[in-house]
Amino acid sequence: MDAQPGIQALALENGQVLQLGLDQHRGLGRLLVEEAERDAGDMMGVAVVTSDKAFMANRSLFAKNGYAIVAESDKDQLLAKQFSDGPPPSINDWQAELEKYEDLTIVYSKQCPWIARFMQEIKPILEEKELKISIREIENAAQAQKAPSLYGAFNLIHNRKLPADRYISTTRFLNILKKELGA
C-alpha cells in the first residue's frame, strides 16, 4: 500500500506502509512491545523510560501490556515488566551527574536522527557567536547511564541547570542562549 500524499508514513521491512495518524489503534504498538519482550530472551525482564513530554512514548502503551512504574522523575517514568525474581531496575542519580557541569555543555547521543541533524545545524551558530561550548557524545551504555538527565539522548546544560533535555530546534537553541548567556 502506498502512503497518501501529505501523510507522514513509516515503511516496514515487510513492505507494509504505516500512515501516522491513520494506522493508530490497530495493535501495532503491542506487537512492537511483544517483539522487544521476545528479544529479551532469558533476561529478568524489560525496562523502558517513558515521558509526558515530547519525543518519547508515554506510559499508556506499556501499562496496557503489563508494565509497572518502578520510579518517576519529574515528567519521566521508568516502567518494567519482570519475567523472573530479582531486584527491579532503578534510575541512576542523574541530578548528581548534572552537578558536574558548570559551563555551557551539550551531552548527546546519535540515537535520534533529529539530534544528529541539530548538532550539524548549530556549528555555524557557535562559530558566529564565538561561543565556548563543551560537546560530549554518549557512545555506550555506561556513559548513557551517567547522563545528566533521565533522557540521555540530548542534554543542554548551563551552570548545573538543564535548559533542555530533549531535542530542540535551532530557534529554541538561540532563545536559550539569549536567556542563559545574553548571547
N, C-alpha and C. Protein backbone atom coordinates (compact mmCIF):
# COMPACT_ATOMS: atom_id res chain seq x y z
N MET A 1 0.85 -1.17 0.00
CA MET A 1 0.00 0.00 0.00
C MET A 1 0.89 1.23 0.00
N ASP A 2 0.55 2.25 -0.77
CA ASP A 2 1.29 3.50 -0.80
C ASP A 2 0.67 4.47 0.19
N ALA A 3 1.52 5.34 0.73
CA ALA A 3 1.02 6.36 1.65
C ALA A 3 0.26 7.43 0.88
N GLN A 4 -0.72 8.03 1.53
CA GLN A 4 -1.45 9.13 0.92
C GLN A 4 -0.55 10.36 0.89
N PRO A 5 -0.65 11.19 -0.15
CA PRO A 5 0.16 12.41 -0.21
C PRO A 5 -0.10 13.29 1.01
N GLY A 6 0.98 13.86 1.56
CA GLY A 6 0.85 14.76 2.71
C GLY A 6 0.74 14.06 4.05
N ILE A 7 0.74 12.74 4.07
CA ILE A 7 0.64 11.98 5.31
C ILE A 7 2.01 11.41 5.63
N GLN A 8 2.48 11.61 6.86
CA GLN A 8 3.75 11.00 7.27
C GLN A 8 3.57 9.50 7.35
N ALA A 9 4.56 8.76 6.86
CA ALA A 9 4.43 7.31 6.82
C ALA A 9 5.75 6.66 7.21
N LEU A 10 5.66 5.43 7.64
CA LEU A 10 6.81 4.63 8.00
C LEU A 10 6.73 3.33 7.21
N ALA A 11 7.76 3.04 6.43
CA ALA A 11 7.79 1.80 5.65
C ALA A 11 8.47 0.71 6.46
N LEU A 12 7.82 -0.43 6.59
CA LEU A 12 8.38 -1.55 7.32
C LEU A 12 9.13 -2.48 6.38
N GLU A 13 10.00 -3.32 6.96
CA GLU A 13 10.80 -4.25 6.15
C GLU A 13 9.94 -5.17 5.30
N ASN A 14 8.76 -5.52 5.80
CA ASN A 14 7.91 -6.44 5.06
C ASN A 14 7.13 -5.77 3.93
N GLY A 15 7.41 -4.47 3.70
CA GLY A 15 6.76 -3.75 2.62
C GLY A 15 5.49 -3.03 3.04
N GLN A 16 5.02 -3.27 4.24
CA GLN A 16 3.82 -2.60 4.72
C GLN A 16 4.15 -1.14 5.01
N VAL A 17 3.22 -0.24 4.72
CA VAL A 17 3.39 1.18 4.99
C VAL A 17 2.41 1.58 6.09
N LEU A 18 2.94 2.12 7.18
CA LEU A 18 2.10 2.61 8.26
C LEU A 18 1.97 4.11 8.10
N GLN A 19 0.75 4.59 8.10
CA GLN A 19 0.50 6.02 7.95
C GLN A 19 0.20 6.60 9.33
N LEU A 20 1.09 7.50 9.76
CA LEU A 20 0.96 8.06 11.09
C LEU A 20 -0.36 8.79 11.21
N GLY A 21 -1.09 8.50 12.24
CA GLY A 21 -2.39 9.10 12.46
C GLY A 21 -3.51 8.25 11.89
N LEU A 22 -3.25 7.51 10.81
CA LEU A 22 -4.29 6.69 10.20
C LEU A 22 -4.21 5.24 10.65
N ASP A 23 -3.02 4.81 11.06
CA ASP A 23 -2.84 3.42 11.45
C ASP A 23 -2.79 3.24 12.96
N GLN A 24 -3.39 4.15 13.68
CA GLN A 24 -3.44 4.02 15.13
C GLN A 24 -4.54 3.05 15.54
N HIS A 25 -4.41 2.54 16.76
CA HIS A 25 -5.42 1.68 17.37
C HIS A 25 -5.63 0.37 16.61
N ARG A 26 -4.53 -0.14 16.02
CA ARG A 26 -4.59 -1.41 15.31
C ARG A 26 -3.73 -2.47 15.99
N GLY A 27 -3.18 -2.15 17.18
CA GLY A 27 -2.39 -3.12 17.91
C GLY A 27 -0.92 -3.17 17.49
N LEU A 28 -0.47 -2.21 16.70
CA LEU A 28 0.91 -2.23 16.22
C LEU A 28 1.91 -1.95 17.34
N GLY A 29 1.57 -1.06 18.26
CA GLY A 29 2.43 -0.80 19.41
C GLY A 29 2.59 -2.05 20.26
N ARG A 30 1.49 -2.75 20.48
CA ARG A 30 1.53 -4.00 21.25
C ARG A 30 2.47 -5.00 20.58
N LEU A 31 2.41 -5.08 19.25
CA LEU A 31 3.29 -6.00 18.54
C LEU A 31 4.76 -5.63 18.73
N LEU A 32 5.07 -4.35 18.73
CA LEU A 32 6.45 -3.92 18.96
C LEU A 32 6.91 -4.24 20.38
N VAL A 33 6.02 -4.05 21.36
CA VAL A 33 6.35 -4.38 22.75
C VAL A 33 6.59 -5.89 22.87
N GLU A 34 5.73 -6.68 22.28
CA GLU A 34 5.89 -8.14 22.34
C GLU A 34 7.20 -8.58 21.68
N GLU A 35 7.58 -7.93 20.60
CA GLU A 35 8.84 -8.26 19.93
C GLU A 35 10.03 -7.93 20.83
N ALA A 36 9.96 -6.79 21.52
CA ALA A 36 11.04 -6.43 22.46
C ALA A 36 11.13 -7.45 23.58
N GLU A 37 10.00 -7.92 24.04
CA GLU A 37 9.99 -8.92 25.12
C GLU A 37 10.58 -10.25 24.62
N ARG A 38 10.28 -10.63 23.39
CA ARG A 38 10.89 -11.84 22.83
C ARG A 38 12.41 -11.68 22.71
N ASP A 39 12.84 -10.49 22.28
CA ASP A 39 14.27 -10.21 22.16
C ASP A 39 14.98 -10.29 23.51
N ALA A 40 14.26 -10.01 24.58
CA ALA A 40 14.86 -10.04 25.92
C ALA A 40 15.24 -11.46 26.32
N GLY A 41 14.66 -12.45 25.64
CA GLY A 41 15.03 -13.85 25.87
C GLY A 41 14.96 -14.26 27.32
N ASP A 42 16.09 -14.70 27.87
CA ASP A 42 16.10 -15.20 29.25
C ASP A 42 16.55 -14.14 30.25
N MET A 43 16.43 -12.88 29.89
CA MET A 43 16.76 -11.80 30.83
C MET A 43 15.69 -11.74 31.91
N MET A 44 15.93 -10.94 32.94
CA MET A 44 15.00 -10.82 34.06
C MET A 44 13.73 -10.07 33.70
N GLY A 45 13.77 -9.31 32.60
CA GLY A 45 12.60 -8.54 32.20
C GLY A 45 12.98 -7.46 31.22
N VAL A 46 12.05 -6.52 31.02
CA VAL A 46 12.27 -5.40 30.11
C VAL A 46 11.93 -4.12 30.86
N ALA A 47 12.76 -3.10 30.67
CA ALA A 47 12.52 -1.79 31.27
C ALA A 47 12.46 -0.76 30.15
N VAL A 48 11.69 0.30 30.40
CA VAL A 48 11.53 1.35 29.40
C VAL A 48 11.35 2.69 30.13
N VAL A 49 11.92 3.74 29.55
CA VAL A 49 11.70 5.09 30.05
C VAL A 49 10.62 5.72 29.18
N THR A 50 9.59 6.25 29.83
CA THR A 50 8.51 6.92 29.13
C THR A 50 8.44 8.36 29.64
N SER A 51 7.63 9.17 28.97
CA SER A 51 7.56 10.57 29.39
C SER A 51 6.23 11.19 29.00
N ASP A 52 5.85 12.19 29.77
CA ASP A 52 4.70 13.01 29.43
C ASP A 52 5.12 14.16 28.52
N LYS A 53 6.43 14.29 28.27
CA LYS A 53 6.96 15.34 27.40
C LYS A 53 7.04 14.84 25.96
N ALA A 54 7.48 15.73 25.08
CA ALA A 54 7.60 15.41 23.66
C ALA A 54 8.76 14.45 23.38
N PHE A 55 8.72 13.81 22.24
CA PHE A 55 9.77 12.96 21.68
C PHE A 55 9.98 11.64 22.42
N MET A 56 9.01 11.22 23.20
CA MET A 56 9.10 9.91 23.85
C MET A 56 7.70 9.33 23.96
N ALA A 57 7.65 8.01 24.00
CA ALA A 57 6.36 7.34 24.20
C ALA A 57 5.85 7.64 25.60
N ASN A 58 4.54 7.73 25.74
CA ASN A 58 4.00 7.87 27.10
C ASN A 58 3.75 6.49 27.68
N ARG A 59 3.42 6.46 28.94
CA ARG A 59 3.33 5.20 29.68
C ARG A 59 2.14 4.32 29.30
N SER A 60 1.12 4.86 28.64
CA SER A 60 -0.13 4.12 28.46
C SER A 60 0.04 2.81 27.70
N LEU A 61 0.79 2.80 26.61
CA LEU A 61 1.00 1.57 25.84
C LEU A 61 1.62 0.48 26.72
N PHE A 62 2.60 0.85 27.53
CA PHE A 62 3.29 -0.13 28.35
C PHE A 62 2.42 -0.59 29.53
N ALA A 63 1.67 0.33 30.13
CA ALA A 63 0.77 -0.04 31.22
C ALA A 63 -0.26 -1.05 30.73
N LYS A 64 -0.77 -0.87 29.51
CA LYS A 64 -1.75 -1.80 28.93
C LYS A 64 -1.15 -3.19 28.71
N ASN A 65 0.19 -3.24 28.62
CA ASN A 65 0.87 -4.50 28.35
C ASN A 65 1.58 -5.06 29.57
N GLY A 66 1.13 -4.69 30.77
CA GLY A 66 1.61 -5.30 31.99
C GLY A 66 2.85 -4.69 32.62
N TYR A 67 3.26 -3.51 32.19
CA TYR A 67 4.42 -2.84 32.77
C TYR A 67 3.97 -2.00 33.97
N ALA A 68 4.80 -1.94 34.98
CA ALA A 68 4.51 -1.16 36.19
C ALA A 68 5.55 -0.07 36.37
N ILE A 69 5.13 1.07 36.90
CA ILE A 69 6.07 2.15 37.18
C ILE A 69 6.92 1.74 38.38
N VAL A 70 8.23 1.78 38.21
CA VAL A 70 9.14 1.46 39.32
C VAL A 70 9.85 2.70 39.85
N ALA A 71 9.85 3.78 39.07
CA ALA A 71 10.45 5.03 39.52
C ALA A 71 9.94 6.17 38.64
N GLU A 72 9.91 7.37 39.22
CA GLU A 72 9.50 8.56 38.46
C GLU A 72 10.45 9.70 38.76
N SER A 73 10.60 10.58 37.79
CA SER A 73 11.42 11.76 37.95
C SER A 73 10.80 12.86 37.10
N ASP A 74 10.21 13.85 37.75
CA ASP A 74 9.54 14.93 37.05
C ASP A 74 8.44 14.34 36.17
N LYS A 75 8.53 14.52 34.86
CA LYS A 75 7.50 14.01 33.95
C LYS A 75 7.94 12.72 33.25
N ASP A 76 9.03 12.11 33.71
CA ASP A 76 9.53 10.87 33.12
C ASP A 76 9.28 9.71 34.07
N GLN A 77 9.11 8.54 33.50
CA GLN A 77 8.85 7.35 34.30
C GLN A 77 9.73 6.20 33.83
N LEU A 78 10.13 5.37 34.77
CA LEU A 78 10.80 4.11 34.45
C LEU A 78 9.78 3.01 34.72
N LEU A 79 9.44 2.26 33.69
CA LEU A 79 8.50 1.15 33.82
C LEU A 79 9.23 -0.15 33.56
N ALA A 80 8.74 -1.22 34.15
CA ALA A 80 9.37 -2.52 33.95
C ALA A 80 8.32 -3.61 33.95
N LYS A 81 8.66 -4.66 33.25
CA LYS A 81 7.89 -5.90 33.26
C LYS A 81 8.90 -6.99 33.56
N GLN A 82 8.78 -7.57 34.74
CA GLN A 82 9.76 -8.57 35.17
C GLN A 82 9.28 -9.97 34.82
N PHE A 83 10.22 -10.77 34.31
CA PHE A 83 9.94 -12.15 33.94
C PHE A 83 10.37 -13.13 35.01
N SER A 84 11.27 -12.70 35.90
CA SER A 84 11.76 -13.58 36.97
C SER A 84 12.07 -12.73 38.19
N ASP A 85 12.27 -13.39 39.32
CA ASP A 85 12.57 -12.69 40.57
C ASP A 85 13.92 -12.01 40.49
N GLY A 86 14.02 -10.89 41.12
CA GLY A 86 15.26 -10.14 41.18
C GLY A 86 14.95 -8.70 41.49
N PRO A 87 16.00 -7.92 41.69
CA PRO A 87 15.77 -6.51 42.00
C PRO A 87 15.19 -5.78 40.80
N PRO A 88 14.27 -4.86 41.05
CA PRO A 88 13.73 -4.08 39.93
C PRO A 88 14.79 -3.10 39.41
N PRO A 89 14.64 -2.64 38.18
CA PRO A 89 15.57 -1.62 37.67
C PRO A 89 15.38 -0.32 38.46
N SER A 90 16.36 0.55 38.39
CA SER A 90 16.26 1.82 39.10
C SER A 90 16.85 2.94 38.25
N ILE A 91 16.52 4.15 38.61
CA ILE A 91 17.04 5.33 37.92
C ILE A 91 18.35 5.72 38.58
N ASN A 92 19.36 5.94 37.78
CA ASN A 92 20.62 6.43 38.31
C ASN A 92 20.45 7.86 38.80
N ASP A 93 21.34 8.31 39.64
CA ASP A 93 21.27 9.64 40.22
C ASP A 93 21.73 10.68 39.20
N TRP A 94 20.86 11.00 38.25
CA TRP A 94 21.24 11.92 37.19
C TRP A 94 21.41 13.34 37.72
N GLN A 95 20.73 13.69 38.82
CA GLN A 95 20.90 15.04 39.38
C GLN A 95 22.34 15.23 39.86
N ALA A 96 22.94 14.19 40.43
CA ALA A 96 24.34 14.28 40.87
C ALA A 96 25.25 14.45 39.66
N GLU A 97 24.92 13.80 38.55
CA GLU A 97 25.72 13.97 37.33
C GLU A 97 25.59 15.39 36.80
N LEU A 98 24.40 15.96 36.87
CA LEU A 98 24.16 17.32 36.40
C LEU A 98 25.03 18.32 37.16
N GLU A 99 25.25 18.07 38.43
CA GLU A 99 26.06 18.97 39.27
C GLU A 99 27.50 19.08 38.78
N LYS A 100 27.96 18.17 37.96
CA LYS A 100 29.35 18.17 37.48
C LYS A 100 29.57 19.16 36.33
N TYR A 101 28.50 19.73 35.79
CA TYR A 101 28.60 20.59 34.61
C TYR A 101 28.35 22.05 34.98
N GLU A 102 29.40 22.86 34.91
CA GLU A 102 29.27 24.28 35.22
C GLU A 102 29.11 25.12 33.97
N ASP A 103 29.82 24.79 32.92
CA ASP A 103 29.82 25.60 31.71
C ASP A 103 28.72 25.16 30.76
N LEU A 104 28.58 25.90 29.67
CA LEU A 104 27.63 25.54 28.62
C LEU A 104 28.11 24.24 27.99
N THR A 105 27.26 23.23 28.05
CA THR A 105 27.64 21.89 27.60
C THR A 105 26.47 21.22 26.90
N ILE A 106 26.78 20.46 25.85
CA ILE A 106 25.79 19.57 25.25
C ILE A 106 26.30 18.15 25.42
N VAL A 107 25.46 17.31 25.99
CA VAL A 107 25.74 15.88 26.09
C VAL A 107 24.67 15.21 25.24
N TYR A 108 25.09 14.42 24.25
CA TYR A 108 24.12 13.86 23.31
C TYR A 108 24.57 12.48 22.82
N SER A 109 23.62 11.78 22.22
CA SER A 109 23.95 10.55 21.53
C SER A 109 23.39 10.65 20.11
N LYS A 110 23.86 9.79 19.24
CA LYS A 110 23.36 9.78 17.86
C LYS A 110 22.17 8.84 17.73
N GLN A 111 21.49 8.60 18.82
CA GLN A 111 20.34 7.70 18.85
C GLN A 111 19.20 8.22 17.97
N CYS A 112 19.07 9.52 17.88
CA CYS A 112 17.96 10.13 17.16
C CYS A 112 18.49 10.93 15.97
N PRO A 113 17.95 10.73 14.77
CA PRO A 113 18.44 11.49 13.61
C PRO A 113 18.20 12.99 13.73
N TRP A 114 17.18 13.40 14.46
CA TRP A 114 16.92 14.83 14.66
C TRP A 114 18.05 15.47 15.46
N ILE A 115 18.57 14.75 16.43
CA ILE A 115 19.66 15.28 17.25
C ILE A 115 20.94 15.36 16.41
N ALA A 116 21.21 14.35 15.62
CA ALA A 116 22.40 14.37 14.75
C ALA A 116 22.32 15.56 13.79
N ARG A 117 21.14 15.82 13.26
CA ARG A 117 20.96 16.97 12.36
C ARG A 117 21.17 18.27 13.11
N PHE A 118 20.62 18.37 14.31
CA PHE A 118 20.77 19.57 15.14
C PHE A 118 22.24 19.87 15.41
N MET A 119 23.01 18.82 15.72
CA MET A 119 24.43 19.02 16.03
C MET A 119 25.18 19.61 14.83
N GLN A 120 24.75 19.29 13.63
CA GLN A 120 25.35 19.89 12.43
C GLN A 120 24.87 21.33 12.24
N GLU A 121 23.59 21.56 12.51
CA GLU A 121 23.00 22.89 12.30
C GLU A 121 23.54 23.95 13.25
N ILE A 122 24.00 23.56 14.43
CA ILE A 122 24.46 24.58 15.38
C ILE A 122 25.91 25.00 15.16
N LYS A 123 26.65 24.26 14.35
CA LYS A 123 28.06 24.62 14.13
C LYS A 123 28.23 26.07 13.67
N PRO A 124 27.49 26.53 12.64
CA PRO A 124 27.66 27.93 12.24
C PRO A 124 27.21 28.93 13.32
N ILE A 125 26.23 28.56 14.11
CA ILE A 125 25.77 29.43 15.20
C ILE A 125 26.88 29.60 16.23
N LEU A 126 27.51 28.50 16.60
CA LEU A 126 28.59 28.55 17.59
C LEU A 126 29.77 29.37 17.06
N GLU A 127 30.08 29.20 15.78
CA GLU A 127 31.18 29.97 15.18
C GLU A 127 30.84 31.46 15.13
N GLU A 128 29.64 31.78 14.69
CA GLU A 128 29.23 33.18 14.56
C GLU A 128 29.24 33.88 15.92
N LYS A 129 28.75 33.21 16.94
CA LYS A 129 28.65 33.82 18.27
C LYS A 129 29.93 33.63 19.08
N GLU A 130 30.90 32.91 18.51
CA GLU A 130 32.18 32.64 19.18
C GLU A 130 31.97 32.10 20.60
N LEU A 131 31.09 31.13 20.69
CA LEU A 131 30.77 30.55 22.00
C LEU A 131 31.71 29.41 22.34
N LYS A 132 32.11 29.39 23.58
CA LYS A 132 32.88 28.27 24.10
C LYS A 132 31.88 27.29 24.69
N ILE A 133 31.79 26.16 24.06
CA ILE A 133 30.83 25.15 24.50
C ILE A 133 31.52 23.79 24.51
N SER A 134 31.24 23.04 25.53
CA SER A 134 31.77 21.69 25.61
C SER A 134 30.73 20.74 25.02
N ILE A 135 31.17 19.89 24.11
CA ILE A 135 30.25 18.94 23.48
C ILE A 135 30.78 17.54 23.75
N ARG A 136 29.91 16.70 24.34
CA ARG A 136 30.30 15.35 24.70
C ARG A 136 29.30 14.36 24.11
N GLU A 137 29.80 13.45 23.28
CA GLU A 137 28.94 12.43 22.69
C GLU A 137 28.88 11.20 23.59
N ILE A 138 27.69 10.71 23.82
CA ILE A 138 27.49 9.46 24.55
C ILE A 138 27.68 8.34 23.55
N GLU A 139 28.63 7.45 23.82
CA GLU A 139 28.97 6.42 22.85
C GLU A 139 28.65 5.00 23.31
N ASN A 140 28.27 4.82 24.58
CA ASN A 140 27.98 3.46 25.05
C ASN A 140 26.99 3.50 26.22
N ALA A 141 26.53 2.33 26.61
CA ALA A 141 25.52 2.23 27.66
C ALA A 141 26.02 2.77 29.00
N ALA A 142 27.27 2.53 29.33
CA ALA A 142 27.81 3.02 30.60
C ALA A 142 27.78 4.54 30.65
N GLN A 143 28.13 5.20 29.55
CA GLN A 143 28.06 6.66 29.50
C GLN A 143 26.62 7.14 29.57
N ALA A 144 25.72 6.44 28.91
CA ALA A 144 24.30 6.83 28.93
C ALA A 144 23.74 6.76 30.34
N GLN A 145 24.19 5.78 31.11
CA GLN A 145 23.70 5.64 32.48
C GLN A 145 24.23 6.75 33.40
N LYS A 146 25.21 7.48 32.93
CA LYS A 146 25.74 8.61 33.70
C LYS A 146 25.36 9.94 33.05
N ALA A 147 24.34 9.92 32.22
CA ALA A 147 23.87 11.15 31.57
C ALA A 147 23.31 12.10 32.62
N PRO A 148 23.35 13.40 32.35
CA PRO A 148 22.86 14.37 33.32
C PRO A 148 21.35 14.59 33.31
N SER A 149 20.62 13.66 32.72
CA SER A 149 19.15 13.65 32.81
C SER A 149 18.69 12.23 32.56
N LEU A 150 17.45 11.96 32.91
CA LEU A 150 16.91 10.63 32.68
C LEU A 150 16.86 10.31 31.19
N TYR A 151 16.58 11.31 30.38
CA TYR A 151 16.57 11.16 28.92
C TYR A 151 17.98 11.43 28.45
N GLY A 152 18.73 10.39 28.19
CA GLY A 152 20.15 10.54 27.90
C GLY A 152 20.49 10.91 26.48
N ALA A 153 19.53 11.02 25.58
CA ALA A 153 19.85 11.25 24.18
C ALA A 153 20.27 12.69 23.88
N PHE A 154 19.77 13.67 24.66
CA PHE A 154 20.15 15.07 24.43
C PHE A 154 19.99 15.85 25.72
N ASN A 155 21.05 16.59 26.06
CA ASN A 155 21.03 17.44 27.25
C ASN A 155 21.80 18.71 26.96
N LEU A 156 21.14 19.85 27.11
CA LEU A 156 21.80 21.15 27.03
C LEU A 156 21.89 21.67 28.46
N ILE A 157 23.12 21.92 28.91
CA ILE A 157 23.36 22.25 30.31
C ILE A 157 24.04 23.60 30.39
N HIS A 158 23.65 24.38 31.41
CA HIS A 158 24.34 25.63 31.72
C HIS A 158 24.26 25.87 33.22
N ASN A 159 25.43 26.03 33.83
CA ASN A 159 25.50 26.29 35.27
C ASN A 159 24.69 25.31 36.10
N ARG A 160 24.91 24.04 35.84
CA ARG A 160 24.27 22.95 36.59
C ARG A 160 22.75 22.92 36.44
N LYS A 161 22.24 23.62 35.45
CA LYS A 161 20.81 23.58 35.14
C LYS A 161 20.63 22.92 33.78
N LEU A 162 19.43 22.47 33.52
CA LEU A 162 19.11 21.75 32.30
C LEU A 162 18.06 22.54 31.51
N PRO A 163 18.49 23.55 30.73
CA PRO A 163 17.51 24.31 29.96
C PRO A 163 16.77 23.47 28.91
N ALA A 164 17.39 22.37 28.47
CA ALA A 164 16.72 21.49 27.51
C ALA A 164 17.20 20.06 27.72
N ASP A 165 16.25 19.14 27.84
CA ASP A 165 16.60 17.72 27.99
C ASP A 165 15.92 16.86 26.92
N ARG A 166 15.56 17.49 25.81
CA ARG A 166 15.01 16.81 24.65
C ARG A 166 15.57 17.52 23.42
N TYR A 167 15.37 16.93 22.27
CA TYR A 167 15.74 17.59 21.02
C TYR A 167 15.11 18.98 20.99
N ILE A 168 15.86 19.97 20.49
CA ILE A 168 15.33 21.32 20.32
C ILE A 168 15.69 21.81 18.92
N SER A 169 14.95 22.78 18.45
CA SER A 169 15.23 23.40 17.15
C SER A 169 16.35 24.43 17.33
N THR A 170 16.91 24.88 16.23
CA THR A 170 17.94 25.92 16.32
C THR A 170 17.34 27.22 16.85
N THR A 171 16.08 27.48 16.53
CA THR A 171 15.42 28.68 17.06
C THR A 171 15.32 28.60 18.58
N ARG A 172 14.91 27.46 19.09
CA ARG A 172 14.85 27.28 20.55
C ARG A 172 16.24 27.38 21.16
N PHE A 173 17.25 26.83 20.49
CA PHE A 173 18.63 26.93 20.96
C PHE A 173 19.04 28.39 21.08
N LEU A 174 18.76 29.19 20.05
CA LEU A 174 19.09 30.61 20.09
C LEU A 174 18.37 31.33 21.22
N ASN A 175 17.12 30.99 21.45
CA ASN A 175 16.36 31.60 22.55
C ASN A 175 16.97 31.24 23.91
N ILE A 176 17.40 30.00 24.05
CA ILE A 176 18.04 29.57 25.30
C ILE A 176 19.36 30.31 25.50
N LEU A 177 20.15 30.43 24.42
CA LEU A 177 21.42 31.16 24.51
C LEU A 177 21.17 32.61 24.95
N LYS A 178 20.14 33.23 24.39
CA LYS A 178 19.82 34.61 24.74
C LYS A 178 19.43 34.70 26.22
N LYS A 179 18.60 33.78 26.68
CA LYS A 179 18.14 33.82 28.06
C LYS A 179 19.27 33.48 29.04
N GLU A 180 20.04 32.45 28.75
CA GLU A 180 21.07 31.96 29.67
C GLU A 180 22.35 32.79 29.62
N LEU A 181 22.74 33.23 28.42
CA LEU A 181 24.05 33.88 28.25
C LEU A 181 23.95 35.34 27.80
N GLY A 182 22.75 35.77 27.42
CA GLY A 182 22.63 37.09 26.83
C GLY A 182 23.27 37.16 25.45
N ALA A 183 23.48 36.00 24.83
CA ALA A 183 24.16 35.93 23.52
C ALA A 183 23.18 36.02 22.37
